[in-house]
PDB file of N, CA and C in Angstrom:
ATOM      1  N   UNK A   1     175.117 186.629  68.115  1.00  0.00           N
ATOM      2  CA  UNK A   1     176.251 187.450  67.747  1.00  0.00           C
ATOM      3  C   UNK A   1     177.417 186.529  67.405  1.00  0.00           C
ATOM      4  N   UNK A   2     178.018 186.781  66.293  1.00  0.00           N
ATOM      5  CA  UNK A   2     179.154 185.965  65.872  1.00  0.00           C
ATOM      6  C   UNK A   2     180.378 186.285  66.718  1.00  0.00           C
ATOM      7  N   UNK A   3     181.113 185.264  67.065  1.00  0.00           N
ATOM      8  CA  UNK A   3     182.328 185.450  67.844  1.00  0.00           C
ATOM      9  C   UNK A   3     183.478 185.775  66.915  1.00  0.00           C
ATOM     10  N   UNK A   4     184.335 186.682  67.344  1.00  0.00           N
ATOM     11  CA  UNK A   4     185.492 187.040  66.542  1.00  0.00           C
ATOM     12  C   UNK A   4     186.362 185.804  66.331  1.00  0.00           C
ATOM     13  N   UNK A   5     186.887 185.660  65.143  1.00  0.00           N
ATOM     14  CA  UNK A   5     187.665 184.487  64.798  1.00  0.00           C
ATOM     15  C   UNK A   5     189.129 184.598  65.195  1.00  0.00           C
ATOM     16  N   UNK A   6     189.473 185.650  65.883  1.00  0.00           N
ATOM     17  CA  UNK A   6     190.877 185.874  66.190  1.00  0.00           C
ATOM     18  C   UNK A   6     191.064 186.210  67.662  1.00  0.00           C
ATOM     19  N   UNK A   7     192.252 186.012  68.142  1.00  0.00           N
ATOM     20  CA  UNK A   7     192.573 186.430  69.506  1.00  0.00           C
ATOM     21  C   UNK A   7     193.401 187.704  69.467  1.00  0.00           C
ATOM     22  N   UNK A   8     193.272 188.452  68.390  1.00  0.00           N
ATOM     23  CA  UNK A   8     194.130 189.617  68.211  1.00  0.00           C
ATOM     24  C   UNK A   8     193.672 190.839  68.977  1.00  0.00           C
ATOM     25  N   UNK A   9     192.660 190.720  69.814  1.00  0.00           N
ATOM     26  CA  UNK A   9     192.347 191.844  70.683  1.00  0.00           C
ATOM     27  C   UNK A   9     192.422 191.394  72.133  1.00  0.00           C
ATOM     28  N   UNK A  10     192.566 192.366  73.006  1.00  0.00           N
ATOM     29  CA  UNK A  10     192.816 192.069  74.409  1.00  0.00           C
ATOM     30  C   UNK A  10     191.660 191.309  75.053  1.00  0.00           C
ATOM     31  N   UNK A  11     190.438 191.572  74.643  1.00  0.00           N
ATOM     32  CA  UNK A  11     189.287 190.887  75.238  1.00  0.00           C
ATOM     33  C   UNK A  11     189.325 189.393  74.924  1.00  0.00           C
ATOM     34  N   UNK A  12     189.608 189.043  73.700  1.00  0.00           N
ATOM     35  CA  UNK A  12     189.724 187.623  73.354  1.00  0.00           C
ATOM     36  C   UNK A  12     190.920 186.989  74.050  1.00  0.00           C
ATOM     37  N   UNK A  13     192.001 187.718  74.142  1.00  0.00           N
ATOM     38  CA  UNK A  13     193.214 187.162  74.757  1.00  0.00           C
ATOM     39  C   UNK A  13     192.977 186.817  76.227  1.00  0.00           C
ATOM     40  N   UNK A  14     192.302 187.674  76.956  1.00  0.00           N
ATOM     41  CA  UNK A  14     192.114 187.418  78.386  1.00  0.00           C
ATOM     42  C   UNK A  14     190.879 186.559  78.664  1.00  0.00           C
ATOM     43  N   UNK A  15     190.163 186.170  77.628  1.00  0.00           N
ATOM     44  CA  UNK A  15     189.038 185.256  77.821  1.00  0.00           C
ATOM     45  C   UNK A  15     189.533 183.876  78.242  1.00  0.00           C
ATOM     46  N   UNK A  16     190.748 183.552  77.925  1.00  0.00           N
ATOM     47  CA  UNK A  16     191.344 182.265  78.287  1.00  0.00           C
ATOM     48  C   UNK A  16     191.845 182.330  79.737  1.00  0.00           C
ATOM     49  N   UNK A  17     191.308 181.475  80.624  1.00  0.00           N
ATOM     50  CA  UNK A  17     191.686 181.539  82.047  1.00  0.00           C
ATOM     51  C   UNK A  17     193.188 181.387  82.309  1.00  0.00           C
ATOM     52  N   UNK A  18     193.862 180.544  81.566  1.00  0.00           N
ATOM     53  CA  UNK A  18     195.305 180.369  81.809  1.00  0.00           C
ATOM     54  C   UNK A  18     196.095 181.629  81.463  1.00  0.00           C
ATOM     55  N   UNK A  19     195.611 182.379  80.501  1.00  0.00           N
ATOM     56  CA  UNK A  19     196.288 183.654  80.179  1.00  0.00           C
ATOM     57  C   UNK A  19     196.097 184.648  81.314  1.00  0.00           C
ATOM     58  N   UNK A  20     194.915 184.634  81.906  1.00  0.00           N
ATOM     59  CA  UNK A  20     194.701 185.519  83.065  1.00  0.00           C
ATOM     60  C   UNK A  20     195.599 185.093  84.223  1.00  0.00           C
ATOM     61  N   UNK A  21     195.779 183.774  84.389  1.00  0.00           N
ATOM     62  CA  UNK A  21     196.686 183.286  85.437  1.00  0.00           C
ATOM     63  C   UNK A  21     198.120 183.749  85.182  1.00  0.00           C
ATOM     64  N   UNK A  22     198.544 183.705  83.943  1.00  0.00           N
ATOM     65  CA  UNK A  22     199.892 184.178  83.592  1.00  0.00           C
ATOM     66  C   UNK A  22     200.030 185.659  83.928  1.00  0.00           C
ATOM     67  N   UNK A  23     199.039 186.451  83.553  1.00  0.00           N
ATOM     68  CA  UNK A  23     199.088 187.890  83.844  1.00  0.00           C
ATOM     69  C   UNK A  23     199.151 188.123  85.351  1.00  0.00           C
ATOM     70  N   UNK A  24     198.407 187.337  86.103  1.00  0.00           N
ATOM     71  CA  UNK A  24     198.419 187.490  87.563  1.00  0.00           C
ATOM     72  C   UNK A  24     199.816 187.206  88.119  1.00  0.00           C
ATOM     73  N   UNK A  25     200.469 186.187  87.613  1.00  0.00           N
ATOM     74  CA  UNK A  25     201.827 185.888  88.077  1.00  0.00           C
ATOM     75  C   UNK A  25     202.813 186.978  87.683  1.00  0.00           C
ATOM     76  N   UNK A  26     202.618 187.548  86.519  1.00  0.00           N
ATOM     77  CA  UNK A  26     203.546 188.576  86.047  1.00  0.00           C
ATOM     78  C   UNK A  26     203.368 189.916  86.768  1.00  0.00           C
ATOM     79  N   UNK A  27     202.283 190.053  87.524  1.00  0.00           N
ATOM     80  CA  UNK A  27     202.121 191.292  88.314  1.00  0.00           C
ATOM     81  C   UNK A  27     203.262 191.449  89.312  1.00  0.00           C
ATOM     82  N   UNK A  28     203.811 190.316  89.762  1.00  0.00           N
ATOM     83  CA  UNK A  28     204.891 190.359  90.760  1.00  0.00           C
ATOM     84  C   UNK A  28     206.244 190.675  90.130  1.00  0.00           C
ATOM     85  N   UNK A  29     206.334 190.602  88.815  1.00  0.00           N
ATOM     86  CA  UNK A  29     207.604 190.908  88.166  1.00  0.00           C
ATOM     87  C   UNK A  29     207.906 189.945  87.030  1.00  0.00           C
ATOM     88  N   UNK A  30     209.013 190.204  86.370  1.00  0.00           N
ATOM     89  CA  UNK A  30     209.405 189.410  85.209  1.00  0.00           C
ATOM     90  C   UNK A  30     209.727 187.973  85.614  1.00  0.00           C
ATOM     91  N   UNK A  31     209.406 187.055  84.695  1.00  0.00           N
ATOM     92  CA  UNK A  31     209.689 185.637  84.944  1.00  0.00           C
ATOM     93  C   UNK A  31     209.988 184.953  83.625  1.00  0.00           C
ATOM     94  N   UNK A  32     210.846 183.932  83.670  1.00  0.00           N
ATOM     95  CA  UNK A  32     211.074 183.140  82.452  1.00  0.00           C
ATOM     96  C   UNK A  32     209.902 182.179  82.230  1.00  0.00           C
ATOM     97  N   UNK A  33     209.750 181.748  81.008  1.00  0.00           N
ATOM     98  CA  UNK A  33     208.630 180.872  80.663  1.00  0.00           C
ATOM     99  C   UNK A  33     208.670 179.574  81.455  1.00  0.00           C
ATOM    100  N   UNK A  34     209.864 179.073  81.782  1.00  0.00           N
ATOM    101  CA  UNK A  34     209.946 177.819  82.538  1.00  0.00           C
ATOM    102  C   UNK A  34     209.308 177.969  83.914  1.00  0.00           C
ATOM    103  N   UNK A  35     209.533 179.081  84.587  1.00  0.00           N
ATOM    104  CA  UNK A  35     208.913 179.326  85.899  1.00  0.00           C
ATOM    105  C   UNK A  35     207.398 179.401  85.781  1.00  0.00           C
ATOM    106  N   UNK A  36     206.936 180.123  84.763  1.00  0.00           N
ATOM    107  CA  UNK A  36     205.485 180.265  84.573  1.00  0.00           C
ATOM    108  C   UNK A  36     204.845 178.913  84.300  1.00  0.00           C
ATOM    109  N   UNK A  37     205.463 178.129  83.428  1.00  0.00           N
ATOM    110  CA  UNK A  37     204.915 176.814  83.082  1.00  0.00           C
ATOM    111  C   UNK A  37     204.874 175.915  84.308  1.00  0.00           C
ATOM    112  N   UNK A  38     205.946 175.892  85.076  1.00  0.00           N
ATOM    113  CA  UNK A  38     205.998 175.042  86.265  1.00  0.00           C
ATOM    114  C   UNK A  38     204.934 175.463  87.274  1.00  0.00           C
ATOM    115  N   UNK A  39     204.837 176.757  87.541  1.00  0.00           N
ATOM    116  CA  UNK A  39     203.887 177.225  88.543  1.00  0.00           C
ATOM    117  C   UNK A  39     202.437 176.983  88.147  1.00  0.00           C
ATOM    118  N   UNK A  40     202.171 177.031  86.854  1.00  0.00           N
ATOM    119  CA  UNK A  40     200.791 176.848  86.390  1.00  0.00           C
ATOM    120  C   UNK A  40     200.497 175.406  85.988  1.00  0.00           C
ATOM    121  N   UNK A  41     201.492 174.528  86.085  1.00  0.00           N
ATOM    122  CA  UNK A  41     201.268 173.123  85.771  1.00  0.00           C
ATOM    123  C   UNK A  41     200.995 172.869  84.302  1.00  0.00           C
ATOM    124  N   UNK A  42     201.668 173.610  83.450  1.00  0.00           N
ATOM    125  CA  UNK A  42     201.477 173.408  82.008  1.00  0.00           C
ATOM    126  C   UNK A  42     202.837 173.150  81.365  1.00  0.00           C
ATOM    127  N   UNK A  43     202.794 172.716  80.132  1.00  0.00           N
ATOM    128  CA  UNK A  43     204.045 172.487  79.417  1.00  0.00           C
ATOM    129  C   UNK A  43     204.660 173.819  79.014  1.00  0.00           C
ATOM    130  N   UNK A  44     205.972 173.807  78.771  1.00  0.00           N
ATOM    131  CA  UNK A  44     206.620 175.042  78.321  1.00  0.00           C
ATOM    132  C   UNK A  44     206.085 175.499  76.965  1.00  0.00           C
ATOM    133  N   UNK A  45     205.886 174.567  75.991  1.00  0.00           N
ATOM    134  CA  UNK A  45     205.302 175.029  74.726  1.00  0.00           C
ATOM    135  C   UNK A  45     203.903 175.626  74.910  1.00  0.00           C
ATOM    136  N   UNK A  46     203.137 175.058  75.824  1.00  0.00           N
ATOM    137  CA  UNK A  46     201.799 175.598  76.088  1.00  0.00           C
ATOM    138  C   UNK A  46     201.875 176.997  76.674  1.00  0.00           C
ATOM    139  N   UNK A  47     202.779 177.184  77.627  1.00  0.00           N
ATOM    140  CA  UNK A  47     202.950 178.514  78.220  1.00  0.00           C
ATOM    141  C   UNK A  47     203.464 179.499  77.175  1.00  0.00           C
ATOM    142  N   UNK A  48     204.383 179.041  76.333  1.00  0.00           N
ATOM    143  CA  UNK A  48     204.923 179.919  75.277  1.00  0.00           C
ATOM    144  C   UNK A  48     203.829 180.356  74.312  1.00  0.00           C
ATOM    145  N   UNK A  49     202.923 179.452  74.006  1.00  0.00           N
ATOM    146  CA  UNK A  49     201.817 179.785  73.095  1.00  0.00           C
ATOM    147  C   UNK A  49     200.944 180.883  73.702  1.00  0.00           C
ATOM    148  N   UNK A  50     200.629 180.737  74.980  1.00  0.00           N
ATOM    149  CA  UNK A  50     199.813 181.768  75.640  1.00  0.00           C
ATOM    150  C   UNK A  50     200.571 183.095  75.727  1.00  0.00           C
ATOM    151  N   UNK A  51     201.865 183.022  76.020  1.00  0.00           N
ATOM    152  CA  UNK A  51     202.666 184.253  76.097  1.00  0.00           C
ATOM    153  C   UNK A  51     202.728 184.963  74.742  1.00  0.00           C
ATOM    154  N   UNK A  52     202.797 184.189  73.668  1.00  0.00           N
ATOM    155  CA  UNK A  52     202.836 184.795  72.332  1.00  0.00           C
ATOM    156  C   UNK A  52     201.547 185.582  72.081  1.00  0.00           C
ATOM    157  N   UNK A  53     200.407 184.991  72.432  1.00  0.00           N
ATOM    158  CA  UNK A  53     199.124 185.681  72.244  1.00  0.00           C
ATOM    159  C   UNK A  53     199.100 186.956  73.082  1.00  0.00           C
ATOM    160  N   UNK A  54     199.536 186.847  74.331  1.00  0.00           N
ATOM    161  CA  UNK A  54     199.524 188.017  75.226  1.00  0.00           C
ATOM    162  C   UNK A  54     200.469 189.101  74.726  1.00  0.00           C
ATOM    163  N   UNK A  55     201.590 188.692  74.154  1.00  0.00           N
ATOM    164  CA  UNK A  55     202.544 189.672  73.607  1.00  0.00           C
ATOM    165  C   UNK A  55     201.958 190.356  72.374  1.00  0.00           C
ATOM    166  N   UNK A  56     201.262 189.593  71.531  1.00  0.00           N
ATOM    167  CA  UNK A  56     200.691 190.152  70.305  1.00  0.00           C
ATOM    168  C   UNK A  56     199.634 191.210  70.581  1.00  0.00           C
ATOM    169  N   UNK A  57     198.935 191.094  71.695  1.00  0.00           N
ATOM    170  CA  UNK A  57     197.906 192.091  72.013  1.00  0.00           C
ATOM    171  C   UNK A  57     198.441 193.179  72.943  1.00  0.00           C
ATOM    172  N   UNK A  58     199.724 193.125  73.268  1.00  0.00           N
ATOM    173  CA  UNK A  58     200.349 194.200  74.036  1.00  0.00           C
ATOM    174  C   UNK A  58     200.210 194.080  75.538  1.00  0.00           C
ATOM    175  N   UNK A  59     199.925 192.883  76.042  1.00  0.00           N
ATOM    176  CA  UNK A  59     199.804 192.712  77.492  1.00  0.00           C
ATOM    177  C   UNK A  59     201.093 192.229  78.133  1.00  0.00           C
ATOM    178  N   UNK A  60     201.982 191.694  77.328  1.00  0.00           N
ATOM    179  CA  UNK A  60     203.236 191.138  77.826  1.00  0.00           C
ATOM    180  C   UNK A  60     204.377 191.640  76.949  1.00  0.00           C
ATOM    181  N   UNK A  61     205.462 191.960  77.592  1.00  0.00           N
ATOM    182  CA  UNK A  61     206.687 192.315  76.867  1.00  0.00           C
ATOM    183  C   UNK A  61     207.742 191.290  77.244  1.00  0.00           C
ATOM    184  N   UNK A  62     208.733 191.158  76.415  1.00  0.00           N
ATOM    185  CA  UNK A  62     209.800 190.218  76.726  1.00  0.00           C
ATOM    186  C   UNK A  62     211.142 190.856  76.430  1.00  0.00           C
ATOM    187  N   UNK A  63     212.155 190.297  77.084  1.00  0.00           N
ATOM    188  CA  UNK A  63     213.520 190.763  76.838  1.00  0.00           C
ATOM    189  C   UNK A  63     214.461 189.608  77.112  1.00  0.00           C
ATOM    190  N   UNK A  64     215.582 189.660  76.458  1.00  0.00           N
ATOM    191  CA  UNK A  64     216.574 188.613  76.627  1.00  0.00           C
ATOM    192  C   UNK A  64     217.479 189.000  77.786  1.00  0.00           C
ATOM    193  N   UNK A  65     217.746 188.016  78.661  1.00  0.00           N
ATOM    194  CA  UNK A  65     218.652 188.225  79.802  1.00  0.00           C
ATOM    195  C   UNK A  65     219.567 187.005  79.861  1.00  0.00           C
ATOM    196  N   UNK A  66     220.727 187.118  79.255  1.00  0.00           N
ATOM    197  CA  UNK A  66     221.627 185.973  79.170  1.00  0.00           C
ATOM    198  C   UNK A  66     221.032 184.919  78.258  1.00  0.00           C
ATOM    199  N   UNK A  67     220.903 183.707  78.783  1.00  0.00           N
ATOM    200  CA  UNK A  67     220.343 182.629  77.971  1.00  0.00           C
ATOM    201  C   UNK A  67     218.826 182.542  78.106  1.00  0.00           C
ATOM    202  N   UNK A  68     218.269 183.361  78.974  1.00  0.00           N
ATOM    203  CA  UNK A  68     216.823 183.312  79.209  1.00  0.00           C
ATOM    204  C   UNK A  68     216.113 184.468  78.526  1.00  0.00           C
ATOM    205  N   UNK A  69     214.829 184.254  78.294  1.00  0.00           N
ATOM    206  CA  UNK A  69     213.943 185.330  77.849  1.00  0.00           C
ATOM    207  C   UNK A  69     212.981 185.562  78.995  1.00  0.00           C
ATOM    208  N   UNK A  70     212.970 186.791  79.478  1.00  0.00           N
ATOM    209  CA  UNK A  70     212.100 187.140  80.603  1.00  0.00           C
ATOM    210  C   UNK A  70     210.841 187.822  80.080  1.00  0.00           C
ATOM    211  N   UNK A  71     209.723 187.447  80.672  1.00  0.00           N
ATOM    212  CA  UNK A  71     208.433 188.035  80.297  1.00  0.00           C
ATOM    213  C   UNK A  71     207.924 188.896  81.437  1.00  0.00           C
ATOM    214  N   UNK A  72     207.360 190.031  81.068  1.00  0.00           N
ATOM    215  CA  UNK A  72     206.827 190.944  82.070  1.00  0.00           C
ATOM    216  C   UNK A  72     205.484 191.497  81.629  1.00  0.00           C
ATOM    217  N   UNK A  73     204.727 191.952  82.587  1.00  0.00           N
ATOM    218  CA  UNK A  73     203.408 192.519  82.331  1.00  0.00           C
ATOM    219  C   UNK A  73     203.544 193.915  81.743  1.00  0.00           C
ATOM    220  N   UNK A  74     202.745 194.206  80.739  1.00  0.00           N
ATOM    221  CA  UNK A  74     202.633 195.565  80.201  1.00  0.00           C
ATOM    222  C   UNK A  74     201.177 195.974  80.401  1.00  0.00           C
ATOM    223  N   UNK A  75     200.912 196.532  81.567  1.00  0.00           N
ATOM    224  CA  UNK A  75     199.533 196.833  81.964  1.00  0.00           C
ATOM    225  C   UNK A  75     198.874 197.882  81.068  1.00  0.00           C
ATOM    226  N   UNK A  76     199.662 198.603  80.281  1.00  0.00           N
ATOM    227  CA  UNK A  76     199.047 199.597  79.378  1.00  0.00           C
ATOM    228  C   UNK A  76     198.091 198.921  78.403  1.00  0.00           C
ATOM    229  N   UNK A  77     198.349 197.654  78.094  1.00  0.00           N
ATOM    230  CA  UNK A  77     197.484 196.918  77.177  1.00  0.00           C
ATOM    231  C   UNK A  77     196.108 196.637  77.752  1.00  0.00           C
ATOM    232  N   UNK A  78     195.975 196.772  79.077  1.00  0.00           N
ATOM    233  CA  UNK A  78     194.672 196.538  79.714  1.00  0.00           C
ATOM    234  C   UNK A  78     193.762 197.768  79.664  1.00  0.00           C
ATOM    235  N   UNK A  79     194.261 198.867  79.117  1.00  0.00           N
ATOM    236  CA  UNK A  79     193.464 200.105  79.078  1.00  0.00           C
ATOM    237  C   UNK A  79     192.090 199.911  78.430  1.00  0.00           C
ATOM    238  N   UNK A  80     191.982 199.207  77.284  1.00  0.00           N
ATOM    239  CA  UNK A  80     190.634 199.021  76.705  1.00  0.00           C
ATOM    240  C   UNK A  80     189.686 198.281  77.651  1.00  0.00           C
ATOM    241  N   UNK A  81     190.202 197.320  78.399  1.00  0.00           N
ATOM    242  CA  UNK A  81     189.366 196.576  79.349  1.00  0.00           C
ATOM    243  C   UNK A  81     188.948 197.495  80.493  1.00  0.00           C
ATOM    244  N   UNK A  82     189.897 198.266  80.992  1.00  0.00           N
ATOM    245  CA  UNK A  82     189.608 199.192  82.088  1.00  0.00           C
ATOM    246  C   UNK A  82     188.558 200.224  81.657  1.00  0.00           C
ATOM    247  N   UNK A  83     188.718 200.758  80.468  1.00  0.00           N
ATOM    248  CA  UNK A  83     187.765 201.768  79.986  1.00  0.00           C
ATOM    249  C   UNK A  83     186.376 201.155  79.787  1.00  0.00           C
ATOM    250  N   UNK A  84     186.320 199.933  79.281  1.00  0.00           N
ATOM    251  CA  UNK A  84     185.023 199.294  79.060  1.00  0.00           C
ATOM    252  C   UNK A  84     184.337 198.980  80.384  1.00  0.00           C
ATOM    253  N   UNK A  85     185.067 198.387  81.313  1.00  0.00           N
ATOM    254  CA  UNK A  85     184.457 198.045  82.603  1.00  0.00           C
ATOM    255  C   UNK A  85     184.104 199.300  83.391  1.00  0.00           C
ATOM    256  N   UNK A  86     184.842 200.384  83.184  1.00  0.00           N
ATOM    257  CA  UNK A  86     184.545 201.645  83.865  1.00  0.00           C
ATOM    258  C   UNK A  86     183.166 202.182  83.500  1.00  0.00           C
ATOM    259  N   UNK A  87     182.663 201.781  82.342  1.00  0.00           N
ATOM    260  CA  UNK A  87     181.332 202.209  81.926  1.00  0.00           C
ATOM    261  C   UNK A  87     180.227 201.631  82.808  1.00  0.00           C
ATOM    262  N   UNK A  88     180.556 200.644  83.618  1.00  0.00           N
ATOM    263  CA  UNK A  88     179.575 200.028  84.507  1.00  0.00           C
ATOM    264  C   UNK A  88     179.672 200.568  85.934  1.00  0.00           C
ATOM    265  N   UNK A  89     180.545 201.520  86.153  1.00  0.00           N
ATOM    266  CA  UNK A  89     180.761 202.060  87.493  1.00  0.00           C
ATOM    267  C   UNK A  89     179.471 202.649  88.069  1.00  0.00           C
ATOM    268  N   UNK A  90     178.738 203.373  87.259  1.00  0.00           N
ATOM    269  CA  UNK A  90     177.496 203.980  87.748  1.00  0.00           C
ATOM    270  C   UNK A  90     176.519 202.906  88.215  1.00  0.00           C
ATOM    271  N   UNK A  91     176.420 201.798  87.458  1.00  0.00           N
ATOM    272  CA  UNK A  91     175.531 200.696  87.830  1.00  0.00           C
ATOM    273  C   UNK A  91     175.916 200.159  89.201  1.00  0.00           C
ATOM    274  N   UNK A  92     177.201 199.894  89.410  1.00  0.00           N
ATOM    275  CA  UNK A  92     177.642 199.333  90.685  1.00  0.00           C
ATOM    276  C   UNK A  92     177.477 200.320  91.827  1.00  0.00           C
ATOM    277  N   UNK A  93     177.773 201.582  91.569  1.00  0.00           N
ATOM    278  CA  UNK A  93     177.585 202.584  92.629  1.00  0.00           C
ATOM    279  C   UNK A  93     176.128 202.670  93.048  1.00  0.00           C
ATOM    280  N   UNK A  94     175.209 202.668  92.092  1.00  0.00           N
ATOM    281  CA  UNK A  94     173.782 202.720  92.421  1.00  0.00           C
ATOM    282  C   UNK A  94     173.353 201.458  93.166  1.00  0.00           C
ATOM    283  N   UNK A  95     173.889 200.311  92.766  1.00  0.00           N
ATOM    284  CA  UNK A  95     173.548 199.054  93.448  1.00  0.00           C
ATOM    285  C   UNK A  95     174.043 199.087  94.897  1.00  0.00           C
ATOM    286  N   UNK A  96     175.248 199.567  95.117  1.00  0.00           N
ATOM    287  CA  UNK A  96     175.778 199.652  96.480  1.00  0.00           C
ATOM    288  C   UNK A  96     175.004 200.666  97.316  1.00  0.00           C
ATOM    289  N   UNK A  97     174.592 201.766  96.696  1.00  0.00           N
ATOM    290  CA  UNK A  97     173.778 202.750  97.420  1.00  0.00           C
ATOM    291  C   UNK A  97     172.454 202.134  97.862  1.00  0.00           C
ATOM    292  N   UNK A  98     171.796 201.368  96.983  1.00  0.00           N
ATOM    293  CA  UNK A  98     170.530 200.711  97.337  1.00  0.00           C
ATOM    294  C   UNK A  98     170.760 199.682  98.442  1.00  0.00           C
ATOM    295  N   UNK A  99     171.852 198.952  98.369  1.00  0.00           N
ATOM    296  CA  UNK A  99     172.168 197.961  99.399  1.00  0.00           C
ATOM    297  C   UNK A  99     172.426 198.656 100.729  1.00  0.00           C
ATOM    298  N   UNK A 100     173.153 199.756 100.702  1.00  0.00           N
ATOM    299  CA  UNK A 100     173.428 200.508 101.926  1.00  0.00           C
ATOM    300  C   UNK A 100     172.123 201.015 102.553  1.00  0.00           C
ATOM    301  N   UNK A 101     171.220 201.536 101.744  1.00  0.00           N
ATOM    302  CA  UNK A 101     169.930 202.017 102.234  1.00  0.00           C
ATOM    303  C   UNK A 101     169.145 200.855 102.846  1.00  0.00           C
ATOM    304  N   UNK A 102     169.138 199.705 102.198  1.00  0.00           N
ATOM    305  CA  UNK A 102     168.434 198.528 102.709  1.00  0.00           C
ATOM    306  C   UNK A 102     168.999 198.105 104.063  1.00  0.00           C
ATOM    307  N   UNK A 103     170.316 198.064 104.192  1.00  0.00           N
ATOM    308  CA  UNK A 103     170.946 197.648 105.452  1.00  0.00           C
ATOM    309  C   UNK A 103     170.637 198.651 106.563  1.00  0.00           C
ATOM    310  N   UNK A 104     170.691 199.925 106.262  1.00  0.00           N
ATOM    311  CA  UNK A 104     170.383 200.951 107.262  1.00  0.00           C
ATOM    312  C   UNK A 104     168.929 200.843 107.711  1.00  0.00           C
ATOM    313  N   UNK A 105     168.009 200.631 106.766  1.00  0.00           N
ATOM    314  CA  UNK A 105     166.597 200.460 107.113  1.00  0.00           C
ATOM    315  C   UNK A 105     166.394 199.221 107.979  1.00  0.00           C
ATOM    316  N   UNK A 106     167.082 198.136 107.644  1.00  0.00           N
ATOM    317  CA  UNK A 106     166.986 196.891 108.407  1.00  0.00           C
ATOM    318  C   UNK A 106     167.498 197.084 109.837  1.00  0.00           C
ATOM    319  N   UNK A 107     168.623 197.794 109.984  1.00  0.00           N
ATOM    320  CA  UNK A 107     169.171 198.076 111.321  1.00  0.00           C
ATOM    321  C   UNK A 107     168.186 198.883 112.154  1.00  0.00           C
ATOM    322  N   UNK A 108     167.618 199.881 111.535  1.00  0.00           N
ATOM    323  CA  UNK A 108     166.687 200.742 112.258  1.00  0.00           C
ATOM    324  C   UNK A 108     165.438 199.970 112.673  1.00  0.00           C
ATOM    325  N   UNK A 109     164.945 199.124 111.794  1.00  0.00           N
ATOM    326  CA  UNK A 109     163.773 198.312 112.096  1.00  0.00           C
ATOM    327  C   UNK A 109     164.054 197.401 113.281  1.00  0.00           C
ATOM    328  N   UNK A 110     165.215 196.790 113.324  1.00  0.00           N
ATOM    329  CA  UNK A 110     165.573 195.882 114.428  1.00  0.00           C
ATOM    330  C   UNK A 110     165.768 196.638 115.739  1.00  0.00           C
ATOM    331  N   UNK A 111     166.298 197.852 115.670  1.00  0.00           N
ATOM    332  CA  UNK A 111     166.466 198.647 116.884  1.00  0.00           C
ATOM    333  C   UNK A 111     165.117 199.069 117.456  1.00  0.00           C
ATOM    334  N   UNK A 112     164.138 199.275 116.607  1.00  0.00           N
ATOM    335  CA  UNK A 112     162.821 199.718 117.050  1.00  0.00           C
ATOM    336  C   UNK A 112     161.993 198.571 117.643  1.00  0.00           C
ATOM    337  N   UNK A 113     162.401 197.315 117.369  1.00  0.00           N
ATOM    338  CA  UNK A 113     161.618 196.172 117.861  1.00  0.00           C
ATOM    339  C   UNK A 113     161.945 195.850 119.292  1.00  0.00           C
TER     340      UNK A 113
END
């Protein structure tokens, strides 16, 4: 399967681990790019590049506050990811049910010994 040549969708954008790290930090609230870069051990231009990609796909919003630009999480952009992963809920529920049955059977077997 050919890989998409662009990061213009949310799946490609969050495929990059540092972008996921940025999103995780932004869950706590708005932050300037300098804070994000320092906390993640990257350069400010590098952090800005990742923020631009995240903003383009709708995962990050920004606003000017004095001399700073603050970046914040826009979780609405994660809806396609949530909807896609939700399609696997039945698989996980069935797997947990089988695991629960196995553990209960194992407990009963040990009690009978």
